[in-house]
Amino acid sequence: ISSNHWIMAWTGLEINTLAILPLIAKSHHPRAIEAATKYFLVQAAASALVLFSSMTNAWHTGQWDITQLTHPTSSVILTSAIAMKLGLVPFHFWFPEVLQGSSLLTGLLLSTAMKFPPLTLLFLTSHSLNPTLLTLMAIMSTALGGWMGLNQTQIRKILAFSSISHLGWMAIIIAFNPKLTMLNFYLYSLMTATVFLTLNTMKVTKLPSLMTAWTKTPSLNAMLLLALLSLAGLPPLTGFLPKWLIIQELTKQEMALAATIISLLSLLSLFFYLRLAYCATITLPPHTTNHIKLWHTNKPTSIITAILITLS
């Protein structure tokens, strides 16, 4: 984040990747090992592309400074590399699989903290990126994140597709107003952390087990409803603010069509957030379920979760 030389930025990205690998593979489950391997291969390929892009730029311009990425080919290669690191469409395939193979807390790190360094690189080079390419990627990400999340029953995969969809909102605006992208990222991290920590407290990873989790922590479940609706971007909750500002900025840039398309596509993700919310709080089954009801826990909710819920 603080470096201004490409080699230092690349080194930072590599250390970042290597640091999270043991956390993904920690459970020694075959799926976790597979997730760690996939993550390593994708991130290594993306880092190689970052290095290739900066070397091409240095070759043509003689500049190793991050903010001096002026060569068009370099900026296209860098956009692809960062898209691969973040999990933007069409480089998104690894992300749901890796998240599904990780624990909830590692998934939280992968969805928030691990997205920060690549996004910072995009922020630093935003003035020289190709807006058309980014807009196309963003609209595809929002569409695919919504469509592929509709048919899922695994909560971690749903949250992965939600992340891809949110990244679309961040990518569409970065060439025009990078500060809005960072605001969107901070608020998205806040809301995603809330959802992950709540699910971790309730020890829930699948939709069927979410249906019977209301007996465990009823008040936390009610708050989960609000956090999910905030992630969906419904007013008057926190998640509405970045979407509103992004639509406003796109309209100022005479991109009303792109703003309309991305707003309509976010309705797809609203559907699966509502389904999660429905399973979490609204479903009181009229018939007897085959699931064993869980005991109500008297363990107090952690302070961090409580603060994050209030903020989101």
C-alpha atoms as a PDB file:
ATOM      1  CA  ILE A   1       0.000   0.000   0.000  1.00  0.00           C
ATOM      2  CA  SER A   2       2.731   2.456   0.974  1.00  0.00           C
ATOM      3  CA  SER A   3       5.196   1.541  -1.800  1.00  0.00           C
ATOM      4  CA  ASN A   4       5.647   3.581  -4.966  1.00  0.00           C
ATOM      5  CA  HIS A   5       7.877   1.110  -6.810  1.00  0.00           C
ATOM      6  CA  TRP A   6       6.356  -1.823  -8.700  1.00  0.00           C
ATOM      7  CA  ILE A   7       8.844  -4.404  -7.382  1.00  0.00           C
ATOM      8  CA  MET A   8       8.002  -3.519  -3.758  1.00  0.00           C
ATOM      9  CA  ALA A   9       4.260  -3.680  -4.505  1.00  0.00           C
ATOM     10  CA  TRP A  10       4.726  -7.087  -6.137  1.00  0.00           C
ATOM     11  CA  THR A  11       6.743  -8.343  -3.137  1.00  0.00           C
ATOM     12  CA  GLY A  12       3.973  -7.158  -0.804  1.00  0.00           C
ATOM     13  CA  LEU A  13       1.323  -9.022  -2.837  1.00  0.00           C
ATOM     14  CA  GLU A  14       3.411 -12.218  -2.736  1.00  0.00           C
ATOM     15  CA  ILE A  15       3.928 -12.039   1.055  1.00  0.00           C
ATOM     16  CA  ASN A  16       0.200 -11.398   1.413  1.00  0.00           C
ATOM     17  CA  THR A  17      -0.637 -14.530  -0.607  1.00  0.00           C
ATOM     18  CA  LEU A  18       1.816 -16.745   1.279  1.00  0.00           C
ATOM     19  CA  ALA A  19       0.526 -15.504   4.649  1.00  0.00           C
ATOM     20  CA  ILE A  20      -3.091 -16.601   4.047  1.00  0.00           C
ATOM     21  CA  LEU A  21      -2.272 -20.074   2.603  1.00  0.00           C
ATOM     22  CA  PRO A  22      -1.706 -21.812   5.995  1.00  0.00           C
ATOM     23  CA  LEU A  23      -4.991 -20.320   7.263  1.00  0.00           C
ATOM     24  CA  ILE A  24      -6.919 -21.813   4.313  1.00  0.00           C
ATOM     25  CA  ALA A  25      -5.246 -25.231   4.630  1.00  0.00           C
ATOM     26  CA  LYS A  26      -5.437 -25.252   8.454  1.00  0.00           C
ATOM     27  CA  SER A  27      -8.236 -27.846   8.800  1.00  0.00           C
ATOM     28  CA  HIS A  28      -6.297 -30.499   6.755  1.00  0.00           C
ATOM     29  CA  HIS A  29      -9.545 -31.426   5.010  1.00  0.00           C
ATOM     30  CA  PRO A  30      -9.049 -32.414   1.320  1.00  0.00           C
ATOM     31  CA  ARG A  31     -11.369 -29.565   0.286  1.00  0.00           C
ATOM     32  CA  ALA A  32      -9.282 -27.065   2.283  1.00  0.00           C
ATOM     33  CA  ILE A  33      -6.047 -28.320   0.679  1.00  0.00           C
ATOM     34  CA  GLU A  34      -7.692 -28.044  -2.750  1.00  0.00           C
ATOM     35  CA  ALA A  35      -8.836 -24.481  -1.949  1.00  0.00           C
ATOM     36  CA  ALA A  36      -5.316 -23.491  -0.831  1.00  0.00           C
ATOM     37  CA  THR A  37      -3.787 -24.967  -4.010  1.00  0.00           C
ATOM     38  CA  LYS A  38      -6.304 -23.160  -6.250  1.00  0.00           C
ATOM     39  CA  TYR A  39      -5.737 -19.904  -4.383  1.00  0.00           C
ATOM     40  CA  PHE A  40      -1.953 -20.194  -4.670  1.00  0.00           C
ATOM     41  CA  LEU A  41      -2.008 -20.948  -8.427  1.00  0.00           C
ATOM     42  CA  VAL A  42      -4.397 -18.103  -9.273  1.00  0.00           C
ATOM     43  CA  GLN A  43      -2.583 -15.544  -7.126  1.00  0.00           C
ATOM     44  CA  ALA A  44       0.832 -16.600  -8.474  1.00  0.00           C
ATOM     45  CA  ALA A  45      -0.424 -16.196 -12.065  1.00  0.00           C
ATOM     46  CA  ALA A  46      -1.883 -12.771 -11.230  1.00  0.00           C
ATOM     47  CA  SER A  47       1.350 -11.644  -9.539  1.00  0.00           C
ATOM     48  CA  ALA A  48       3.332 -12.732 -12.605  1.00  0.00           C
ATOM     49  CA  LEU A  49       0.997 -10.606 -14.756  1.00  0.00           C
ATOM     50  CA  VAL A  50       1.492  -7.608 -12.431  1.00  0.00           C
ATOM     51  CA  LEU A  51       5.255  -7.979 -12.833  1.00  0.00           C
ATOM     52  CA  PHE A  52       4.903  -8.409 -16.610  1.00  0.00           C
ATOM     53  CA  SER A  53       2.731  -5.285 -16.861  1.00  0.00           C
ATOM     54  CA  SER A  54       5.172  -3.141 -14.840  1.00  0.00           C
ATOM     55  CA  MET A  55       8.155  -4.442 -16.843  1.00  0.00           C
ATOM     56  CA  THR A  56       6.411  -3.639 -20.145  1.00  0.00           C
ATOM     57  CA  ASN A  57       5.687  -0.135 -18.858  1.00  0.00           C
ATOM     58  CA  ALA A  58       9.314   0.315 -17.681  1.00  0.00           C
ATOM     59  CA  TRP A  59      10.553  -0.949 -21.046  1.00  0.00           C
ATOM     60  CA  HIS A  60       8.503   1.661 -22.958  1.00  0.00           C
ATOM     61  CA  THR A  61       8.675   4.633 -20.581  1.00  0.00           C
ATOM     62  CA  GLY A  62      11.670   3.978 -18.301  1.00  0.00           C
ATOM     63  CA  GLN A  63       9.415   4.458 -15.233  1.00  0.00           C
ATOM     64  CA  TRP A  64       9.080   2.004 -12.312  1.00  0.00           C
ATOM     65  CA  ASP A  65       6.785   4.352 -10.388  1.00  0.00           C
ATOM     66  CA  ILE A  66       3.294   2.939  -9.714  1.00  0.00           C
ATOM     67  CA  THR A  67       1.531   6.200 -10.573  1.00  0.00           C
ATOM     68  CA  GLN A  68       3.395   6.494 -13.921  1.00  0.00           C
ATOM     69  CA  LEU A  69       1.678   3.540 -15.610  1.00  0.00           C
ATOM     70  CA  THR A  70       1.076   5.320 -18.923  1.00  0.00           C
ATOM     71  CA  HIS A  71       1.471   2.605 -21.565  1.00  0.00           C
ATOM     72  CA  PRO A  72      -1.985   1.341 -22.769  1.00  0.00           C
ATOM     73  CA  THR A  73      -0.911  -2.331 -23.109  1.00  0.00           C
ATOM     74  CA  SER A  74       0.522  -2.283 -19.574  1.00  0.00           C
ATOM     75  CA  SER A  75      -2.673  -0.823 -18.125  1.00  0.00           C
ATOM     76  CA  VAL A  76      -4.821  -3.509 -19.841  1.00  0.00           C
ATOM     77  CA  ILE A  77      -2.522  -6.298 -18.534  1.00  0.00           C
ATOM     78  CA  LEU A  78      -2.585  -4.748 -15.038  1.00  0.00           C
ATOM     79  CA  THR A  79      -6.400  -4.523 -15.105  1.00  0.00           C
ATOM     80  CA  SER A  80      -6.567  -8.253 -15.986  1.00  0.00           C
ATOM     81  CA  ALA A  81      -4.051  -9.131 -13.255  1.00  0.00           C
ATOM     82  CA  ILE A  82      -5.908  -7.193 -10.553  1.00  0.00           C
ATOM     83  CA  ALA A  83      -9.234  -8.606 -11.781  1.00  0.00           C
ATOM     84  CA  MET A  84      -7.735 -12.076 -11.342  1.00  0.00           C
ATOM     85  CA  LYS A  85      -6.529 -11.215  -7.829  1.00  0.00           C
ATOM     86  CA  LEU A  86      -9.910  -9.772  -6.818  1.00  0.00           C
ATOM     87  CA  GLY A  87     -12.111 -12.353  -8.524  1.00  0.00           C
ATOM     88  CA  LEU A  88     -13.785 -10.036 -11.050  1.00  0.00           C
ATOM     89  CA  VAL A  89     -15.545 -11.669 -14.011  1.00  0.00           C
ATOM     90  CA  PRO A  90     -14.168 -13.310 -16.231  1.00  0.00           C
ATOM     91  CA  PHE A  91     -11.496 -14.371 -13.670  1.00  0.00           C
ATOM     92  CA  HIS A  92     -13.971 -15.208 -10.906  1.00  0.00           C
ATOM     93  CA  PHE A  93     -14.107 -19.038 -11.038  1.00  0.00           C
ATOM     94  CA  TRP A  94     -11.608 -19.641  -8.220  1.00  0.00           C
ATOM     95  CA  PHE A  95     -13.251 -17.431  -5.602  1.00  0.00           C
ATOM     96  CA  PRO A  96     -16.454 -19.371  -4.648  1.00  0.00           C
ATOM     97  CA  GLU A  97     -14.491 -22.644  -4.569  1.00  0.00           C
ATOM     98  CA  VAL A  98     -11.756 -21.235  -2.327  1.00  0.00           C
ATOM     99  CA  LEU A  99     -14.287 -19.614   0.016  1.00  0.00           C
ATOM    100  CA  GLN A 100     -16.262 -22.867   0.241  1.00  0.00           C
ATOM    101  CA  GLY A 101     -13.095 -24.751   1.232  1.00  0.00           C
ATOM    102  CA  SER A 102     -12.173 -22.277   3.989  1.00  0.00           C
ATOM    103  CA  SER A 103     -13.587 -21.727   7.474  1.00  0.00           C
ATOM    104  CA  LEU A 104     -15.894 -18.743   8.081  1.00  0.00           C
ATOM    105  CA  LEU A 105     -13.182 -16.600   9.679  1.00  0.00           C
ATOM    106  CA  THR A 106     -10.678 -17.323   6.892  1.00  0.00           C
ATOM    107  CA  GLY A 107     -13.485 -16.596   4.421  1.00  0.00           C
ATOM    108  CA  LEU A 108     -13.961 -13.233   6.114  1.00  0.00           C
ATOM    109  CA  LEU A 109     -10.249 -12.433   5.615  1.00  0.00           C
ATOM    110  CA  LEU A 110     -10.383 -13.556   1.966  1.00  0.00           C
ATOM    111  CA  SER A 111     -13.457 -11.411   1.258  1.00  0.00           C
ATOM    112  CA  THR A 112     -12.211  -8.236   2.940  1.00  0.00           C
ATOM    113  CA  ALA A 113      -8.543  -7.848   3.979  1.00  0.00           C
ATOM    114  CA  MET A 114      -7.111  -9.804   1.023  1.00  0.00           C
ATOM    115  CA  LYS A 115      -9.000  -7.592  -1.445  1.00  0.00           C
ATOM    116  CA  PHE A 116      -7.495  -4.403  -0.025  1.00  0.00           C
ATOM    117  CA  PRO A 117      -3.915  -4.487  -1.519  1.00  0.00           C
ATOM    118  CA  PRO A 118      -5.019  -5.214  -5.141  1.00  0.00           C
ATOM    119  CA  LEU A 119      -7.753  -2.580  -4.853  1.00  0.00           C
ATOM    120  CA  THR A 120      -5.166  -0.064  -3.600  1.00  0.00           C
ATOM    121  CA  LEU A 121      -3.057  -0.732  -6.713  1.00  0.00           C
ATOM    122  CA  LEU A 122      -6.128  -0.051  -8.869  1.00  0.00           C
ATOM    123  CA  PHE A 123      -6.730   3.131  -6.845  1.00  0.00           C
ATOM    124  CA  LEU A 124      -3.143   4.338  -7.453  1.00  0.00           C
ATOM    125  CA  THR A 125      -3.283   3.656 -11.209  1.00  0.00           C
ATOM    126  CA  SER A 126      -6.942   4.684 -11.692  1.00  0.00           C
ATOM    127  CA  HIS A 127      -6.106   7.700 -13.886  1.00  0.00           C
ATOM    128  CA  SER A 128      -4.531   5.499 -16.582  1.00  0.00           C
ATOM    129  CA  LEU A 129      -7.003   2.583 -16.635  1.00  0.00           C
ATOM    130  CA  ASN A 130      -9.332   1.848 -19.536  1.00  0.00           C
ATOM    131  CA  PRO A 131     -12.881   2.914 -18.462  1.00  0.00           C
ATOM    132  CA  THR A 132     -14.644   0.850 -21.182  1.00  0.00           C
ATOM    133  CA  LEU A 133     -12.913  -2.373 -20.122  1.00  0.00           C
ATOM    134  CA  LEU A 134     -13.648  -1.716 -16.445  1.00  0.00           C
ATOM    135  CA  THR A 135     -17.323  -0.901 -17.148  1.00  0.00           C
ATOM    136  CA  LEU A 136     -17.730  -4.137 -19.146  1.00  0.00           C
ATOM    137  CA  MET A 137     -16.066  -6.197 -16.397  1.00  0.00           C
ATOM    138  CA  ALA A 138     -18.169  -4.459 -13.738  1.00  0.00           C
ATOM    139  CA  ILE A 139     -21.507  -5.107 -15.468  1.00  0.00           C
ATOM    140  CA  MET A 140     -20.549  -8.748 -16.142  1.00  0.00           C
ATOM    141  CA  SER A 141     -19.492  -9.177 -12.473  1.00  0.00           C
ATOM    142  CA  THR A 142     -22.752  -7.757 -11.120  1.00  0.00           C
ATOM    143  CA  ALA A 143     -24.783  -9.927 -13.534  1.00  0.00           C
ATOM    144  CA  LEU A 144     -22.857 -13.130 -12.874  1.00  0.00           C
ATOM    145  CA  GLY A 145     -22.608 -12.546  -9.131  1.00  0.00           C
ATOM    146  CA  GLY A 146     -26.393 -12.224  -9.020  1.00  0.00           C
ATOM    147  CA  TRP A 147     -27.274 -15.087 -11.352  1.00  0.00           C
ATOM    148  CA  MET A 148     -24.883 -17.666  -9.926  1.00  0.00           C
ATOM    149  CA  GLY A 149     -25.861 -16.861  -6.348  1.00  0.00           C
ATOM    150  CA  LEU A 150     -29.535 -17.657  -6.985  1.00  0.00           C
ATOM    151  CA  ASN A 151     -29.228 -21.435  -6.970  1.00  0.00           C
ATOM    152  CA  GLN A 152     -26.876 -21.914  -3.992  1.00  0.00           C
ATOM    153  CA  THR A 153     -27.606 -23.530  -0.649  1.00  0.00           C
ATOM    154  CA  GLN A 154     -24.096 -23.126   0.795  1.00  0.00           C
ATOM    155  CA  ILE A 155     -23.894 -19.783   2.598  1.00  0.00           C
ATOM    156  CA  ARG A 156     -20.167 -19.294   1.941  1.00  0.00           C
ATOM    157  CA  LYS A 157     -20.750 -19.637  -1.817  1.00  0.00           C
ATOM    158  CA  ILE A 158     -23.652 -17.171  -1.632  1.00  0.00           C
ATOM    159  CA  LEU A 159     -21.356 -14.687   0.131  1.00  0.00           C
ATOM    160  CA  ALA A 160     -18.652 -15.291  -2.514  1.00  0.00           C
ATOM    161  CA  PHE A 161     -21.072 -14.395  -5.324  1.00  0.00           C
ATOM    162  CA  SER A 162     -22.250 -11.414  -3.288  1.00  0.00           C
ATOM    163  CA  SER A 163     -18.612 -10.301  -3.100  1.00  0.00           C
ATOM    164  CA  ILE A 164     -18.204 -10.628  -6.898  1.00  0.00           C
ATOM    165  CA  SER A 165     -21.358  -8.558  -7.374  1.00  0.00           C
ATOM    166  CA  HIS A 166     -20.103  -5.821  -4.991  1.00  0.00           C
ATOM    167  CA  LEU A 167     -16.729  -5.752  -6.770  1.00  0.00           C
ATOM    168  CA  GLY A 168     -18.650  -4.912  -9.943  1.00  0.00           C
ATOM    169  CA  TRP A 169     -19.983  -1.759  -8.258  1.00  0.00           C
ATOM    170  CA  MET A 170     -16.440  -0.838  -7.174  1.00  0.00           C
ATOM    171  CA  ALA A 171     -14.895  -1.456 -10.611  1.00  0.00           C
ATOM    172  CA  ILE A 172     -17.431   0.608 -12.576  1.00  0.00           C
ATOM    173  CA  ILE A 173     -16.626   3.836 -10.731  1.00  0.00           C
ATOM    174  CA  ILE A 174     -12.869   3.567 -10.115  1.00  0.00           C
ATOM    175  CA  ALA A 175     -11.844   5.299 -13.368  1.00  0.00           C
ATOM    176  CA  PHE A 176     -14.144   8.273 -12.634  1.00  0.00           C
ATOM    177  CA  ASN A 177     -14.093   8.675  -8.845  1.00  0.00           C
ATOM    178  CA  PRO A 178     -11.587   6.374  -7.064  1.00  0.00           C
ATOM    179  CA  LYS A 179     -12.500   7.703  -3.597  1.00  0.00           C
ATOM    180  CA  LEU A 180     -16.037   6.363  -4.048  1.00  0.00           C
ATOM    181  CA  THR A 181     -14.587   2.916  -4.771  1.00  0.00           C
ATOM    182  CA  MET A 182     -12.672   2.978  -1.499  1.00  0.00           C
ATOM    183  CA  LEU A 183     -15.757   4.177   0.415  1.00  0.00           C
ATOM    184  CA  ASN A 184     -17.750   1.326  -1.141  1.00  0.00           C
ATOM    185  CA  PHE A 185     -15.015  -1.144  -0.183  1.00  0.00           C
ATOM    186  CA  TYR A 186     -14.855   0.034   3.446  1.00  0.00           C
ATOM    187  CA  LEU A 187     -18.635  -0.188   3.884  1.00  0.00           C
ATOM    188  CA  TYR A 188     -18.782  -3.541   2.080  1.00  0.00           C
ATOM    189  CA  SER A 189     -16.021  -4.882   4.395  1.00  0.00           C
ATOM    190  CA  LEU A 190     -17.934  -3.630   7.425  1.00  0.00           C
ATOM    191  CA  MET A 191     -21.185  -5.351   6.382  1.00  0.00           C
ATOM    192  CA  THR A 192     -19.508  -8.571   5.236  1.00  0.00           C
ATOM    193  CA  ALA A 193     -17.570  -8.781   8.513  1.00  0.00           C
ATOM    194  CA  THR A 194     -20.895  -8.429  10.360  1.00  0.00           C
ATOM    195  CA  VAL A 195     -22.499 -11.284   8.392  1.00  0.00           C
ATOM    196  CA  PHE A 196     -19.470 -13.608   8.678  1.00  0.00           C
ATOM    197  CA  LEU A 197     -19.023 -13.015  12.424  1.00  0.00           C
ATOM    198  CA  THR A 198     -22.745 -13.513  13.075  1.00  0.00           C
ATOM    199  CA  LEU A 199     -22.745 -16.789  11.124  1.00  0.00           C
ATOM    200  CA  ASN A 200     -19.579 -17.849  12.955  1.00  0.00           C
ATOM    201  CA  THR A 201     -21.255 -17.182  16.318  1.00  0.00           C
ATOM    202  CA  MET A 202     -24.242 -19.307  15.253  1.00  0.00           C
ATOM    203  CA  LYS A 203     -21.939 -21.923  13.622  1.00  0.00           C
ATOM    204  CA  VAL A 204     -24.037 -21.991  10.437  1.00  0.00           C
ATOM    205  CA  THR A 205     -22.726 -22.766   6.925  1.00  0.00           C
ATOM    206  CA  LYS A 206     -25.806 -24.100   5.074  1.00  0.00           C
ATOM    207  CA  LEU A 207     -29.297 -22.723   4.433  1.00  0.00           C
ATOM    208  CA  PRO A 208     -31.162 -25.670   6.077  1.00  0.00           C
ATOM    209  CA  SER A 209     -29.164 -25.236   9.314  1.00  0.00           C
ATOM    210  CA  LEU A 210     -29.841 -21.471   9.191  1.00  0.00           C
ATOM    211  CA  MET A 211     -33.577 -22.232   9.359  1.00  0.00           C
ATOM    212  CA  THR A 212     -33.282 -23.830  12.787  1.00  0.00           C
ATOM    213  CA  ALA A 213     -30.594 -21.504  14.171  1.00  0.00           C
ATOM    214  CA  TRP A 214     -33.143 -18.941  15.435  1.00  0.00           C
ATOM    215  CA  THR A 215     -33.587 -20.932  18.652  1.00  0.00           C
ATOM    216  CA  LYS A 216     -29.908 -20.456  19.463  1.00  0.00           C
ATOM    217  CA  THR A 217     -29.530 -16.659  19.382  1.00  0.00           C
ATOM    218  CA  PRO A 218     -32.875 -15.030  18.481  1.00  0.00           C
ATOM    219  CA  SER A 219     -31.710 -11.418  18.840  1.00  0.00           C
ATOM    220  CA  LEU A 220     -28.564 -12.001  16.749  1.00  0.00           C
ATOM    221  CA  ASN A 221     -30.732 -13.604  14.059  1.00  0.00           C
ATOM    222  CA  ALA A 222     -32.959 -10.538  13.937  1.00  0.00           C
ATOM    223  CA  MET A 223     -29.879  -8.355  13.505  1.00  0.00           C
ATOM    224  CA  LEU A 224     -28.618 -10.652  10.730  1.00  0.00           C
ATOM    225  CA  LEU A 225     -31.782  -9.761   8.788  1.00  0.00           C
ATOM    226  CA  LEU A 226     -30.838  -6.056   8.912  1.00  0.00           C
ATOM    227  CA  ALA A 227     -27.187  -6.739   8.006  1.00  0.00           C
ATOM    228  CA  LEU A 228     -28.254  -8.768   4.945  1.00  0.00           C
ATOM    229  CA  LEU A 229     -30.689  -6.091   3.799  1.00  0.00           C
ATOM    230  CA  SER A 230     -27.906  -3.530   4.247  1.00  0.00           C
ATOM    231  CA  LEU A 231     -25.615  -5.668   2.045  1.00  0.00           C
ATOM    232  CA  ALA A 232     -28.400  -5.709  -0.536  1.00  0.00           C
ATOM    233  CA  GLY A 233     -28.326  -1.905  -0.524  1.00  0.00           C
ATOM    234  CA  LEU A 234     -31.824  -1.111   0.722  1.00  0.00           C
ATOM    235  CA  PRO A 235     -32.479   2.372   2.128  1.00  0.00           C
ATOM    236  CA  PRO A 236     -32.277   3.614   4.902  1.00  0.00           C
ATOM    237  CA  LEU A 237     -29.465   1.177   5.797  1.00  0.00           C
ATOM    238  CA  THR A 238     -25.696   1.790   5.441  1.00  0.00           C
ATOM    239  CA  GLY A 239     -25.352  -0.284   2.244  1.00  0.00           C
ATOM    240  CA  PHE A 240     -27.588   2.114   0.313  1.00  0.00           C
ATOM    241  CA  LEU A 241     -25.142   5.044   0.613  1.00  0.00           C
ATOM    242  CA  PRO A 242     -22.344   3.820  -1.749  1.00  0.00           C
ATOM    243  CA  LYS A 243     -24.840   2.593  -4.373  1.00  0.00           C
ATOM    244  CA  TRP A 244     -26.669   5.907  -4.356  1.00  0.00           C
ATOM    245  CA  LEU A 245     -23.413   7.891  -4.684  1.00  0.00           C
ATOM    246  CA  ILE A 246     -22.142   5.614  -7.482  1.00  0.00           C
ATOM    247  CA  ILE A 247     -25.384   5.961  -9.480  1.00  0.00           C
ATOM    248  CA  GLN A 248     -25.213   9.733  -8.972  1.00  0.00           C
ATOM    249  CA  GLU A 249     -21.588   9.881 -10.192  1.00  0.00           C
ATOM    250  CA  LEU A 250     -22.319   7.660 -13.229  1.00  0.00           C
ATOM    251  CA  THR A 251     -25.203   9.940 -14.189  1.00  0.00           C
ATOM    252  CA  LYS A 252     -22.867  12.963 -13.931  1.00  0.00           C
ATOM    253  CA  GLN A 253     -20.429  11.165 -16.269  1.00  0.00           C
ATOM    254  CA  GLU A 254     -23.301  10.705 -18.793  1.00  0.00           C
ATOM    255  CA  MET A 255     -23.358   6.950 -18.201  1.00  0.00           C
ATOM    256  CA  ALA A 256     -27.035   6.758 -17.309  1.00  0.00           C
ATOM    257  CA  LEU A 257     -27.449   3.521 -19.300  1.00  0.00           C
ATOM    258  CA  ALA A 258     -24.631   1.756 -17.366  1.00  0.00           C
ATOM    259  CA  ALA A 259     -26.125   3.065 -14.093  1.00  0.00           C
ATOM    260  CA  THR A 260     -29.583   1.702 -15.037  1.00  0.00           C
ATOM    261  CA  ILE A 261     -28.192  -1.710 -16.070  1.00  0.00           C
ATOM    262  CA  ILE A 262     -26.065  -2.167 -12.928  1.00  0.00           C
ATOM    263  CA  SER A 263     -28.985  -1.065 -10.693  1.00  0.00           C
ATOM    264  CA  LEU A 264     -31.337  -3.579 -12.318  1.00  0.00           C
ATOM    265  CA  LEU A 265     -28.719  -6.338 -12.056  1.00  0.00           C
ATOM    266  CA  SER A 266     -28.324  -5.704  -8.330  1.00  0.00           C
ATOM    267  CA  LEU A 267     -31.968  -6.874  -7.980  1.00  0.00           C
ATOM    268  CA  LEU A 268     -30.679 -10.397  -8.679  1.00  0.00           C
ATOM    269  CA  SER A 269     -28.454 -10.313  -5.617  1.00  0.00           C
ATOM    270  CA  LEU A 270     -31.289  -8.713  -3.617  1.00  0.00           C
ATOM    271  CA  PHE A 271     -33.245 -11.929  -4.252  1.00  0.00           C
ATOM    272  CA  PHE A 272     -30.696 -14.226  -2.617  1.00  0.00           C
ATOM    273  CA  TYR A 273     -30.103 -11.813   0.285  1.00  0.00           C
ATOM    274  CA  LEU A 274     -33.847 -11.879   0.891  1.00  0.00           C
ATOM    275  CA  ARG A 275     -33.797 -15.662   0.747  1.00  0.00           C
ATOM    276  CA  LEU A 276     -31.022 -15.743   3.359  1.00  0.00           C
ATOM    277  CA  ALA A 277     -32.930 -13.235   5.496  1.00  0.00           C
ATOM    278  CA  TYR A 278     -36.130 -15.267   5.067  1.00  0.00           C
ATOM    279  CA  CYS A 279     -34.390 -18.468   6.157  1.00  0.00           C
ATOM    280  CA  ALA A 280     -32.729 -16.694   9.089  1.00  0.00           C
ATOM    281  CA  THR A 281     -35.668 -14.900  10.675  1.00  0.00           C
ATOM    282  CA  ILE A 282     -38.990 -15.066   8.895  1.00  0.00           C
ATOM    283  CA  THR A 283     -39.370 -18.827   8.553  1.00  0.00           C
ATOM    284  CA  LEU A 284     -41.231 -20.314  11.467  1.00  0.00           C
ATOM    285  CA  PRO A 285     -42.151 -23.653   9.927  1.00  0.00           C
ATOM    286  CA  PRO A 286     -45.924 -24.425  10.086  1.00  0.00           C
ATOM    287  CA  HIS A 287     -45.149 -28.144  10.140  1.00  0.00           C
ATOM    288  CA  THR A 288     -42.764 -30.123  12.347  1.00  0.00           C
ATOM    289  CA  THR A 289     -39.252 -30.101  10.872  1.00  0.00           C
ATOM    290  CA  ASN A 290     -36.901 -33.060  10.911  1.00  0.00           C
ATOM    291  CA  HIS A 291     -34.101 -30.865  12.227  1.00  0.00           C
ATOM    292  CA  ILE A 292     -33.106 -31.036  15.846  1.00  0.00           C
ATOM    293  CA  LYS A 293     -33.751 -27.708  17.529  1.00  0.00           C
ATOM    294  CA  LEU A 294     -30.627 -26.153  19.000  1.00  0.00           C
ATOM    295  CA  TRP A 295     -30.382 -25.061  22.612  1.00  0.00           C
ATOM    296  CA  HIS A 296     -30.602 -21.367  23.341  1.00  0.00           C
ATOM    297  CA  THR A 297     -27.079 -20.210  24.240  1.00  0.00           C
ATOM    298  CA  ASN A 298     -26.527 -17.786  27.092  1.00  0.00           C
ATOM    299  CA  LYS A 299     -23.052 -16.939  25.847  1.00  0.00           C
ATOM    300  CA  PRO A 300     -22.984 -13.164  25.249  1.00  0.00           C
ATOM    301  CA  THR A 301     -22.344 -11.881  21.721  1.00  0.00           C
ATOM    302  CA  SER A 302     -18.808 -10.557  21.258  1.00  0.00           C
ATOM    303  CA  ILE A 303     -18.383  -6.783  21.485  1.00  0.00           C
ATOM    304  CA  ILE A 304     -16.851  -6.568  17.974  1.00  0.00           C
ATOM    305  CA  THR A 305     -19.885  -8.277  16.402  1.00  0.00           C
ATOM    306  CA  ALA A 306     -22.237  -5.969  18.289  1.00  0.00           C
ATOM    307  CA  ILE A 307     -20.363  -2.817  17.161  1.00  0.00           C
ATOM    308  CA  LEU A 308     -20.208  -4.004  13.534  1.00  0.00           C
ATOM    309  CA  ILE A 309     -23.938  -4.813  13.527  1.00  0.00           C
ATOM    310  CA  THR A 310     -24.707  -1.310  14.810  1.00  0.00           C
ATOM    311  CA  LEU A 311     -22.512   0.296  12.129  1.00  0.00           C
ATOM    312  CA  SER A 312     -23.878  -1.781   9.270  1.00  0.00           C
END
